[in-house]
């Protein structure tokens, strides 16, 4: 299992499009992935659920804890960290 705390960069925080992209990325991997705020401790939520992720209410500049466990945990963590640290653009 690996765990990282990442500061959220997209302007909308972890809402709307950034949250959708985050959840879609989570679902590309087989690892068990959970997220929450650093204050949540072991009360992290399923990162593959858009309702759970948006329910965290993470804003730009806030930190989020990601835990991944599985054969592709390193790849998953790298991809998710990239989603959270890349500013959102208007390109679609």
PDB file of N, CA and C in Angstrom:
ATOM      1  N   UNK A   1       0.848  -1.176   0.000  1.00  0.00           N
ATOM      2  CA  UNK A   1       0.000   0.000   0.000  1.00  0.00           C
ATOM      3  C   UNK A   1       0.896   1.243   0.000  1.00  0.00           C
ATOM      4  N   UNK A   2       0.488   2.223  -0.772  1.00  0.00           N
ATOM      5  CA  UNK A   2       1.175   3.507  -0.757  1.00  0.00           C
ATOM      6  C   UNK A   2       0.169   4.604  -0.451  1.00  0.00           C
ATOM      7  N   UNK A   3       0.664   5.678   0.125  1.00  0.00           N
ATOM      8  CA  UNK A   3      -0.188   6.808   0.489  1.00  0.00           C
ATOM      9  C   UNK A   3       0.559   8.089   0.198  1.00  0.00           C
ATOM     10  N   UNK A   4      -0.158   9.053  -0.356  1.00  0.00           N
ATOM     11  CA  UNK A   4       0.423  10.370  -0.613  1.00  0.00           C
ATOM     12  C   UNK A   4      -0.594  11.441  -0.264  1.00  0.00           C
ATOM     13  N   UNK A   5      -0.082  12.580   0.147  1.00  0.00           N
ATOM     14  CA  UNK A   5      -0.922  13.756   0.352  1.00  0.00           C
ATOM     15  C   UNK A   5      -0.555  14.743  -0.746  1.00  0.00           C
ATOM     16  N   UNK A   6      -1.566  15.188  -1.485  1.00  0.00           N
ATOM     17  CA  UNK A   6      -1.364  16.025  -2.659  1.00  0.00           C
ATOM     18  C   UNK A   6      -2.206  17.291  -2.514  1.00  0.00           C
ATOM     19  N   UNK A   7      -1.655  18.429  -2.931  1.00  0.00           N
ATOM     20  CA  UNK A   7      -2.401  19.683  -2.944  1.00  0.00           C
ATOM     21  C   UNK A   7      -3.140  19.796  -4.272  1.00  0.00           C
ATOM     22  N   UNK A   8      -4.429  20.077  -4.198  1.00  0.00           N
ATOM     23  CA  UNK A   8      -5.292  20.143  -5.380  1.00  0.00           C
ATOM     24  C   UNK A   8      -5.075  21.468  -6.103  1.00  0.00           C
ATOM     25  N   UNK A   9      -4.793  21.395  -7.417  1.00  0.00           N
ATOM     26  CA  UNK A   9      -4.480  22.566  -8.225  1.00  0.00           C
ATOM     27  C   UNK A   9      -5.646  23.054  -9.090  1.00  0.00           C
ATOM     28  N   UNK A  10      -6.483  22.175  -9.699  1.00  0.00           N
ATOM     29  CA  UNK A  10      -7.542  22.682 -10.580  1.00  0.00           C
ATOM     30  C   UNK A  10      -8.386  23.770  -9.905  1.00  0.00           C
ATOM     31  N   UNK A  11      -8.727  24.780 -10.686  1.00  0.00           N
ATOM     32  CA  UNK A  11      -9.439  25.951 -10.172  1.00  0.00           C
ATOM     33  C   UNK A  11     -10.742  25.615  -9.466  1.00  0.00           C
ATOM     34  N   UNK A  12     -11.449  24.594  -9.926  1.00  0.00           N
ATOM     35  CA  UNK A  12     -12.718  24.205  -9.316  1.00  0.00           C
ATOM     36  C   UNK A  12     -12.537  23.241  -8.147  1.00  0.00           C
ATOM     37  N   UNK A  13     -11.294  22.984  -7.746  1.00  0.00           N
ATOM     38  CA  UNK A  13     -11.068  22.000  -6.695  1.00  0.00           C
ATOM     39  C   UNK A  13     -11.416  20.613  -7.211  1.00  0.00           C
ATOM     40  N   UNK A  14     -11.980  19.800  -6.362  1.00  0.00           N
ATOM     41  CA  UNK A  14     -12.345  18.441  -6.771  1.00  0.00           C
ATOM     42  C   UNK A  14     -13.859  18.363  -6.968  1.00  0.00           C
ATOM     43  N   UNK A  15     -14.345  19.203  -7.884  1.00  0.00           N
ATOM     44  CA  UNK A  15     -15.766  19.277  -8.230  1.00  0.00           C
ATOM     45  C   UNK A  15     -15.902  19.224  -9.744  1.00  0.00           C
ATOM     46  N   UNK A  16     -17.080  18.905 -10.207  1.00  0.00           N
ATOM     47  CA  UNK A  16     -17.405  18.917 -11.634  1.00  0.00           C
ATOM     48  C   UNK A  16     -16.390  18.164 -12.485  1.00  0.00           C
ATOM     49  N   UNK A  17     -15.834  18.841 -13.491  1.00  0.00           N
ATOM     50  CA  UNK A  17     -14.933  18.159 -14.429  1.00  0.00           C
ATOM     51  C   UNK A  17     -13.690  17.567 -13.774  1.00  0.00           C
ATOM     52  N   UNK A  18     -12.997  18.281 -12.885  1.00  0.00           N
ATOM     53  CA  UNK A  18     -11.815  17.662 -12.274  1.00  0.00           C
ATOM     54  C   UNK A  18     -12.158  16.381 -11.491  1.00  0.00           C
ATOM     55  N   UNK A  19     -13.283  16.387 -10.800  1.00  0.00           N
ATOM     56  CA  UNK A  19     -13.689  15.191 -10.047  1.00  0.00           C
ATOM     57  C   UNK A  19     -14.016  14.049 -10.995  1.00  0.00           C
ATOM     58  N   UNK A  20     -14.690  14.362 -12.097  1.00  0.00           N
ATOM     59  CA  UNK A  20     -15.019  13.331 -13.085  1.00  0.00           C
ATOM     60  C   UNK A  20     -13.754  12.728 -13.674  1.00  0.00           C
ATOM     61  N   UNK A  21     -12.801  13.581 -14.021  1.00  0.00           N
ATOM     62  CA  UNK A  21     -11.537  13.086 -14.574  1.00  0.00           C
ATOM     63  C   UNK A  21     -10.798  12.235 -13.541  1.00  0.00           C
ATOM     64  N   UNK A  22     -10.807  12.660 -12.280  1.00  0.00           N
ATOM     65  CA  UNK A  22     -10.161  11.918 -11.207  1.00  0.00           C
ATOM     66  C   UNK A  22     -10.784  10.522 -11.071  1.00  0.00           C
ATOM     67  N   UNK A  23     -12.117  10.454 -10.996  1.00  0.00           N
ATOM     68  CA  UNK A  23     -12.824   9.178 -10.835  1.00  0.00           C
ATOM     69  C   UNK A  23     -12.614   8.281 -12.055  1.00  0.00           C
ATOM     70  N   UNK A  24     -12.660   8.850 -13.247  1.00  0.00           N
ATOM     71  CA  UNK A  24     -12.411   8.061 -14.456  1.00  0.00           C
ATOM     72  C   UNK A  24     -11.004   7.465 -14.428  1.00  0.00           C
ATOM     73  N   UNK A  25     -10.041   8.247 -13.958  1.00  0.00           N
ATOM     74  CA  UNK A  25      -8.672   7.752 -13.862  1.00  0.00           C
ATOM     75  C   UNK A  25      -8.583   6.627 -12.837  1.00  0.00           C
ATOM     76  N   UNK A  26      -9.221   6.797 -11.694  1.00  0.00           N
ATOM     77  CA  UNK A  26      -9.249   5.745 -10.667  1.00  0.00           C
ATOM     78  C   UNK A  26      -9.749   4.438 -11.270  1.00  0.00           C
ATOM     79  N   UNK A  27     -10.810   4.524 -12.047  1.00  0.00           N
ATOM     80  CA  UNK A  27     -11.454   3.324 -12.584  1.00  0.00           C
ATOM     81  C   UNK A  27     -10.678   2.666 -13.721  1.00  0.00           C
ATOM     82  N   UNK A  28      -9.568   3.275 -14.142  1.00  0.00           N
ATOM     83  CA  UNK A  28      -8.699   2.658 -15.144  1.00  0.00           C
ATOM     84  C   UNK A  28      -7.740   1.649 -14.514  1.00  0.00           C
ATOM     85  N   UNK A  29      -7.677   1.620 -13.194  1.00  0.00           N
ATOM     86  CA  UNK A  29      -6.722   0.767 -12.488  1.00  0.00           C
ATOM     87  C   UNK A  29      -7.437  -0.279 -11.643  1.00  0.00           C
ATOM     88  N   UNK A  30      -6.726  -1.364 -11.358  1.00  0.00           N
ATOM     89  CA  UNK A  30      -7.291  -2.458 -10.568  1.00  0.00           C
ATOM     90  C   UNK A  30      -7.090  -2.277  -9.069  1.00  0.00           C
ATOM     91  N   UNK A  31      -6.184  -1.397  -8.681  1.00  0.00           N
ATOM     92  CA  UNK A  31      -5.887  -1.192  -7.265  1.00  0.00           C
ATOM     93  C   UNK A  31      -7.102  -0.655  -6.515  1.00  0.00           C
ATOM     94  N   UNK A  32      -7.141  -0.958  -5.227  1.00  0.00           N
ATOM     95  CA  UNK A  32      -8.137  -0.390  -4.312  1.00  0.00           C
ATOM     96  C   UNK A  32      -7.653   1.012  -3.968  1.00  0.00           C
ATOM     97  N   UNK A  33      -8.441   2.036  -4.319  1.00  0.00           N
ATOM     98  CA  UNK A  33      -8.008   3.416  -4.119  1.00  0.00           C
ATOM     99  C   UNK A  33      -9.050   4.162  -3.292  1.00  0.00           C
ATOM    100  N   UNK A  34      -8.558   4.823  -2.237  1.00  0.00           N
ATOM    101  CA  UNK A  34      -9.424   5.618  -1.374  1.00  0.00           C
ATOM    102  C   UNK A  34      -8.838   7.018  -1.240  1.00  0.00           C
ATOM    103  N   UNK A  35      -9.710   7.985  -0.916  1.00  0.00           N
ATOM    104  CA  UNK A  35      -9.275   9.375  -0.759  1.00  0.00           C
ATOM    105  C   UNK A  35      -9.976  10.018   0.423  1.00  0.00           C
ATOM    106  N   UNK A  36      -9.376  11.093   0.895  1.00  0.00           N
ATOM    107  CA  UNK A  36      -9.975  11.880   1.970  1.00  0.00           C
ATOM    108  C   UNK A  36      -9.067  13.033   2.308  1.00  0.00           C
ATOM    109  N   UNK A  37      -9.461  13.804   3.294  1.00  0.00           N
ATOM    110  CA  UNK A  37      -8.602  14.888   3.741  1.00  0.00           C
ATOM    111  C   UNK A  37      -7.596  14.319   4.727  1.00  0.00           C
ATOM    112  N   UNK A  38      -6.465  14.982   4.905  1.00  0.00           N
ATOM    113  CA  UNK A  38      -5.471  14.477   5.867  1.00  0.00           C
ATOM    114  C   UNK A  38      -6.055  14.299   7.270  1.00  0.00           C
ATOM    115  N   UNK A  39      -7.088  15.062   7.609  1.00  0.00           N
ATOM    116  CA  UNK A  39      -7.723  14.953   8.927  1.00  0.00           C
ATOM    117  C   UNK A  39      -8.636  13.738   9.054  1.00  0.00           C
ATOM    118  N   UNK A  40      -8.970  13.094   7.916  1.00  0.00           N
ATOM    119  CA  UNK A  40      -9.895  11.961   7.940  1.00  0.00           C
ATOM    120  C   UNK A  40      -9.268  10.691   8.510  1.00  0.00           C
ATOM    121  N   UNK A  41      -7.944  10.615   8.546  1.00  0.00           N
ATOM    122  CA  UNK A  41      -7.285   9.421   9.060  1.00  0.00           C
ATOM    123  C   UNK A  41      -7.679   8.192   8.280  1.00  0.00           C
ATOM    124  N   UNK A  42      -8.295   7.225   8.946  1.00  0.00           N
ATOM    125  CA  UNK A  42      -8.704   5.991   8.285  1.00  0.00           C
ATOM    126  C   UNK A  42     -10.108   6.068   7.699  1.00  0.00           C
ATOM    127  N   UNK A  43     -10.759   7.217   7.783  1.00  0.00           N
ATOM    128  CA  UNK A  43     -12.110   7.378   7.260  1.00  0.00           C
ATOM    129  C   UNK A  43     -12.095   7.885   5.828  1.00  0.00           C
ATOM    130  N   UNK A  44     -11.343   7.208   4.966  1.00  0.00           N
ATOM    131  CA  UNK A  44     -11.261   7.606   3.565  1.00  0.00           C
ATOM    132  C   UNK A  44     -12.424   6.992   2.797  1.00  0.00           C
ATOM    133  N   UNK A  45     -12.769   7.605   1.662  1.00  0.00           N
ATOM    134  CA  UNK A  45     -13.902   7.142   0.860  1.00  0.00           C
ATOM    135  C   UNK A  45     -13.420   6.479  -0.427  1.00  0.00           C
ATOM    136  N   UNK A  46     -14.299   5.749  -1.059  1.00  0.00           N
ATOM    137  CA  UNK A  46     -14.019   5.074  -2.329  1.00  0.00           C
ATOM    138  C   UNK A  46     -13.744   6.127  -3.404  1.00  0.00           C
ATOM    139  N   UNK A  47     -12.536   6.117  -3.944  1.00  0.00           N
ATOM    140  CA  UNK A  47     -12.150   7.103  -4.953  1.00  0.00           C
ATOM    141  C   UNK A  47     -12.810   6.844  -6.302  1.00  0.00           C
ATOM    142  N   UNK A  48     -13.431   5.697  -6.484  1.00  0.00           N
ATOM    143  CA  UNK A  48     -14.101   5.380  -7.731  1.00  0.00           C
ATOM    144  C   UNK A  48     -15.549   5.841  -7.767  1.00  0.00           C
ATOM    145  N   UNK A  49     -16.001   6.530  -6.722  1.00  0.00           N
ATOM    146  CA  UNK A  49     -17.380   7.010  -6.630  1.00  0.00           C
ATOM    147  C   UNK A  49     -17.418   8.531  -6.760  1.00  0.00           C
ATOM    148  N   UNK A  50     -18.066   9.031  -7.801  1.00  0.00           N
ATOM    149  CA  UNK A  50     -18.145  10.478  -8.021  1.00  0.00           C
ATOM    150  C   UNK A  50     -18.869  11.156  -6.859  1.00  0.00           C
ATOM    151  N   UNK A  51     -19.892  10.524  -6.308  1.00  0.00           N
ATOM    152  CA  UNK A  51     -20.619  11.124  -5.185  1.00  0.00           C
ATOM    153  C   UNK A  51     -19.745  11.219  -3.947  1.00  0.00           C
ATOM    154  N   UNK A  52     -18.961  10.179  -3.682  1.00  0.00           N
ATOM    155  CA  UNK A  52     -18.081  10.186  -2.520  1.00  0.00           C
ATOM    156  C   UNK A  52     -16.984  11.244  -2.680  1.00  0.00           C
ATOM    157  N   UNK A  53     -16.420  11.342  -3.875  1.00  0.00           N
ATOM    158  CA  UNK A  53     -15.325  12.288  -4.121  1.00  0.00           C
ATOM    159  C   UNK A  53     -15.818  13.732  -4.047  1.00  0.00           C
ATOM    160  N   UNK A  54     -16.919  14.045  -4.710  1.00  0.00           N
ATOM    161  CA  UNK A  54     -17.419  15.422  -4.671  1.00  0.00           C
ATOM    162  C   UNK A  54     -17.948  15.762  -3.277  1.00  0.00           C
ATOM    163  N   UNK A  55     -18.418  14.756  -2.552  1.00  0.00           N
ATOM    164  CA  UNK A  55     -18.911  14.966  -1.197  1.00  0.00           C
ATOM    165  C   UNK A  55     -17.833  15.407  -0.217  1.00  0.00           C
ATOM    166  N   UNK A  56     -16.570  15.216  -0.578  1.00  0.00           N
ATOM    167  CA  UNK A  56     -15.477  15.661   0.285  1.00  0.00           C
ATOM    168  C   UNK A  56     -15.361  17.184   0.320  1.00  0.00           C
ATOM    169  N   UNK A  57     -15.847  17.847  -0.728  1.00  0.00           N
ATOM    170  CA  UNK A  57     -15.818  19.307  -0.782  1.00  0.00           C
ATOM    171  C   UNK A  57     -14.417  19.901  -0.833  1.00  0.00           C
ATOM    172  N   UNK A  58     -13.504  19.232  -1.530  1.00  0.00           N
ATOM    173  CA  UNK A  58     -12.114  19.688  -1.614  1.00  0.00           C
ATOM    174  C   UNK A  58     -12.024  20.883  -2.567  1.00  0.00           C
ATOM    175  N   UNK A  59     -11.414  21.961  -2.071  1.00  0.00           N
ATOM    176  CA  UNK A  59     -11.259  23.183  -2.864  1.00  0.00           C
ATOM    177  C   UNK A  59      -9.812  23.323  -3.344  1.00  0.00           C
ATOM    178  N   UNK A  60      -9.611  24.219  -4.292  1.00  0.00           N
ATOM    179  CA  UNK A  60      -8.268  24.523  -4.786  1.00  0.00           C
ATOM    180  C   UNK A  60      -7.360  24.921  -3.624  1.00  0.00           C
ATOM    181  N   UNK A  61      -6.161  24.355  -3.621  1.00  0.00           N
ATOM    182  CA  UNK A  61      -5.193  24.679  -2.582  1.00  0.00           C
ATOM    183  C   UNK A  61      -5.289  23.801  -1.349  1.00  0.00           C
ATOM    184  N   UNK A  62      -6.353  23.014  -1.233  1.00  0.00           N
ATOM    185  CA  UNK A  62      -6.485  22.096  -0.099  1.00  0.00           C
ATOM    186  C   UNK A  62      -5.759  20.795  -0.400  1.00  0.00           C
ATOM    187  N   UNK A  63      -5.450  20.064   0.632  1.00  0.00           N
ATOM    188  CA  UNK A  63      -4.747  18.792   0.470  1.00  0.00           C
ATOM    189  C   UNK A  63      -5.714  17.628   0.517  1.00  0.00           C
ATOM    190  N   UNK A  64      -5.347  16.575  -0.191  1.00  0.00           N
ATOM    191  CA  UNK A  64      -6.125  15.353  -0.222  1.00  0.00           C
ATOM    192  C   UNK A  64      -5.168  14.179  -0.036  1.00  0.00           C
ATOM    193  N   UNK A  65      -5.597  13.205   0.735  1.00  0.00           N
ATOM    194  CA  UNK A  65      -4.807  11.999   0.942  1.00  0.00           C
ATOM    195  C   UNK A  65      -5.325  10.917   0.005  1.00  0.00           C
ATOM    196  N   UNK A  66      -4.412  10.269  -0.697  1.00  0.00           N
ATOM    197  CA  UNK A  66      -4.763   9.171  -1.607  1.00  0.00           C
ATOM    198  C   UNK A  66      -4.050   7.915  -1.118  1.00  0.00           C
ATOM    199  N   UNK A  67      -4.787   6.816  -1.015  1.00  0.00           N
ATOM    200  CA  UNK A  67      -4.195   5.518  -0.701  1.00  0.00           C
ATOM    201  C   UNK A  67      -4.517   4.555  -1.835  1.00  0.00           C
ATOM    202  N   UNK A  68      -3.506   3.826  -2.250  1.00  0.00           N
ATOM    203  CA  UNK A  68      -3.693   2.827  -3.309  1.00  0.00           C
ATOM    204  C   UNK A  68      -3.042   1.522  -2.872  1.00  0.00           C
ATOM    205  N   UNK A  69      -3.743   0.432  -3.121  1.00  0.00           N
ATOM    206  CA  UNK A  69      -3.200  -0.877  -2.800  1.00  0.00           C
ATOM    207  C   UNK A  69      -3.564  -1.850  -3.914  1.00  0.00           C
ATOM    208  N   UNK A  70      -2.542  -2.446  -4.504  1.00  0.00           N
ATOM    209  CA  UNK A  70      -2.750  -3.402  -5.578  1.00  0.00           C
ATOM    210  C   UNK A  70      -1.542  -3.479  -6.481  1.00  0.00           C
ATOM    211  N   UNK A  71      -1.634  -4.348  -7.468  1.00  0.00           N
ATOM    212  CA  UNK A  71      -0.499  -4.579  -8.366  1.00  0.00           C
ATOM    213  C   UNK A  71      -0.093  -3.337  -9.152  1.00  0.00           C
ATOM    214  N   UNK A  72      -1.047  -2.476  -9.483  1.00  0.00           N
ATOM    215  CA  UNK A  72      -0.732  -1.286 -10.277  1.00  0.00           C
ATOM    216  C   UNK A  72      -0.797  -0.003  -9.447  1.00  0.00           C
ATOM    217  N   UNK A  73      -0.547  -0.125  -8.134  1.00  0.00           N
ATOM    218  CA  UNK A  73      -0.675   1.028  -7.238  1.00  0.00           C
ATOM    219  C   UNK A  73       0.268   2.178  -7.589  1.00  0.00           C
ATOM    220  N   UNK A  74       1.484   1.877  -8.005  1.00  0.00           N
ATOM    221  CA  UNK A  74       2.431   2.942  -8.356  1.00  0.00           C
ATOM    222  C   UNK A  74       1.948   3.731  -9.573  1.00  0.00           C
ATOM    223  N   UNK A  75       1.503   3.015 -10.600  1.00  0.00           N
ATOM    224  CA  UNK A  75       1.014   3.666 -11.813  1.00  0.00           C
ATOM    225  C   UNK A  75      -0.244   4.479 -11.522  1.00  0.00           C
ATOM    226  N   UNK A  76      -1.135   3.902 -10.726  1.00  0.00           N
ATOM    227  CA  UNK A  76      -2.373   4.594 -10.368  1.00  0.00           C
ATOM    228  C   UNK A  76      -2.065   5.877  -9.606  1.00  0.00           C
ATOM    229  N   UNK A  77      -1.177   5.788  -8.635  1.00  0.00           N
ATOM    230  CA  UNK A  77      -0.837   6.951  -7.822  1.00  0.00           C
ATOM    231  C   UNK A  77      -0.226   8.056  -8.674  1.00  0.00           C
ATOM    232  N   UNK A  78       0.659   7.701  -9.570  1.00  0.00           N
ATOM    233  CA  UNK A  78       1.278   8.700 -10.452  1.00  0.00           C
ATOM    234  C   UNK A  78       0.234   9.388 -11.322  1.00  0.00           C
ATOM    235  N   UNK A  79      -0.688   8.612 -11.876  1.00  0.00           N
ATOM    236  CA  UNK A  79      -1.725   9.176 -12.744  1.00  0.00           C
ATOM    237  C   UNK A  79      -2.655  10.099 -11.956  1.00  0.00           C
ATOM    238  N   UNK A  80      -3.036   9.688 -10.755  1.00  0.00           N
ATOM    239  CA  UNK A  80      -3.947  10.499  -9.942  1.00  0.00           C
ATOM    240  C   UNK A  80      -3.277  11.775  -9.451  1.00  0.00           C
ATOM    241  N   UNK A  81      -2.018  11.672  -9.087  1.00  0.00           N
ATOM    242  CA  UNK A  81      -1.282  12.860  -8.666  1.00  0.00           C
ATOM    243  C   UNK A  81      -1.203  13.862  -9.818  1.00  0.00           C
ATOM    244  N   UNK A  82      -1.026  13.367 -11.026  1.00  0.00           N
ATOM    245  CA  UNK A  82      -0.980  14.226 -12.204  1.00  0.00           C
ATOM    246  C   UNK A  82      -2.314  14.940 -12.418  1.00  0.00           C
ATOM    247  N   UNK A  83      -3.417  14.225 -12.256  1.00  0.00           N
ATOM    248  CA  UNK A  83      -4.748  14.832 -12.413  1.00  0.00           C
ATOM    249  C   UNK A  83      -4.928  15.967 -11.403  1.00  0.00           C
ATOM    250  N   UNK A  84      -4.494  15.734 -10.171  1.00  0.00           N
ATOM    251  CA  UNK A  84      -4.725  16.715  -9.108  1.00  0.00           C
ATOM    252  C   UNK A  84      -3.784  17.910  -9.151  1.00  0.00           C
ATOM    253  N   UNK A  85      -2.643  17.762  -9.801  1.00  0.00           N
ATOM    254  CA  UNK A  85      -1.663  18.845  -9.807  1.00  0.00           C
ATOM    255  C   UNK A  85      -1.571  19.581 -11.141  1.00  0.00           C
ATOM    256  N   UNK A  86      -2.431  19.238 -12.079  1.00  0.00           N
ATOM    257  CA  UNK A  86      -2.444  19.879 -13.387  1.00  0.00           C
ATOM    258  C   UNK A  86      -3.609  20.878 -13.444  1.00  0.00           C
ATOM    259  N   UNK A  87      -3.319  22.147 -13.713  1.00  0.00           N
ATOM    260  CA  UNK A  87      -4.408  23.120 -13.825  1.00  0.00           C
ATOM    261  C   UNK A  87      -5.376  22.722 -14.937  1.00  0.00           C
ATOM    262  N   UNK A  88      -6.637  22.942 -14.693  1.00  0.00           N
ATOM    263  CA  UNK A  88      -7.653  22.628 -15.700  1.00  0.00           C
ATOM    264  C   UNK A  88      -7.604  23.664 -16.808  1.00  0.00           C
ATOM    265  N   UNK A  89      -7.747  23.195 -18.042  1.00  0.00           N
ATOM    266  CA  UNK A  89      -7.797  24.104 -19.181  1.00  0.00           C
ATOM    267  C   UNK A  89      -9.180  24.057 -19.788  1.00  0.00           C
ATOM    268  N   UNK A  90      -9.475  24.997 -20.662  1.00  0.00           N
ATOM    269  CA  UNK A  90     -10.781  25.031 -21.309  1.00  0.00           C
ATOM    270  C   UNK A  90     -10.861  24.099 -22.496  1.00  0.00           C
ATOM    271  N   UNK A  91      -9.748  23.423 -22.833  1.00  0.00           N
ATOM    272  CA  UNK A  91      -9.745  22.501 -23.960  1.00  0.00           C
ATOM    273  C   UNK A  91     -10.555  21.281 -23.601  1.00  0.00           C
ATOM    274  N   UNK A  92     -11.286  20.747 -24.582  1.00  0.00           N
ATOM    275  CA  UNK A  92     -12.078  19.546 -24.329  1.00  0.00           C
ATOM    276  C   UNK A  92     -11.742  18.497 -25.329  1.00  0.00           C
TER     277      UNK A  92
END
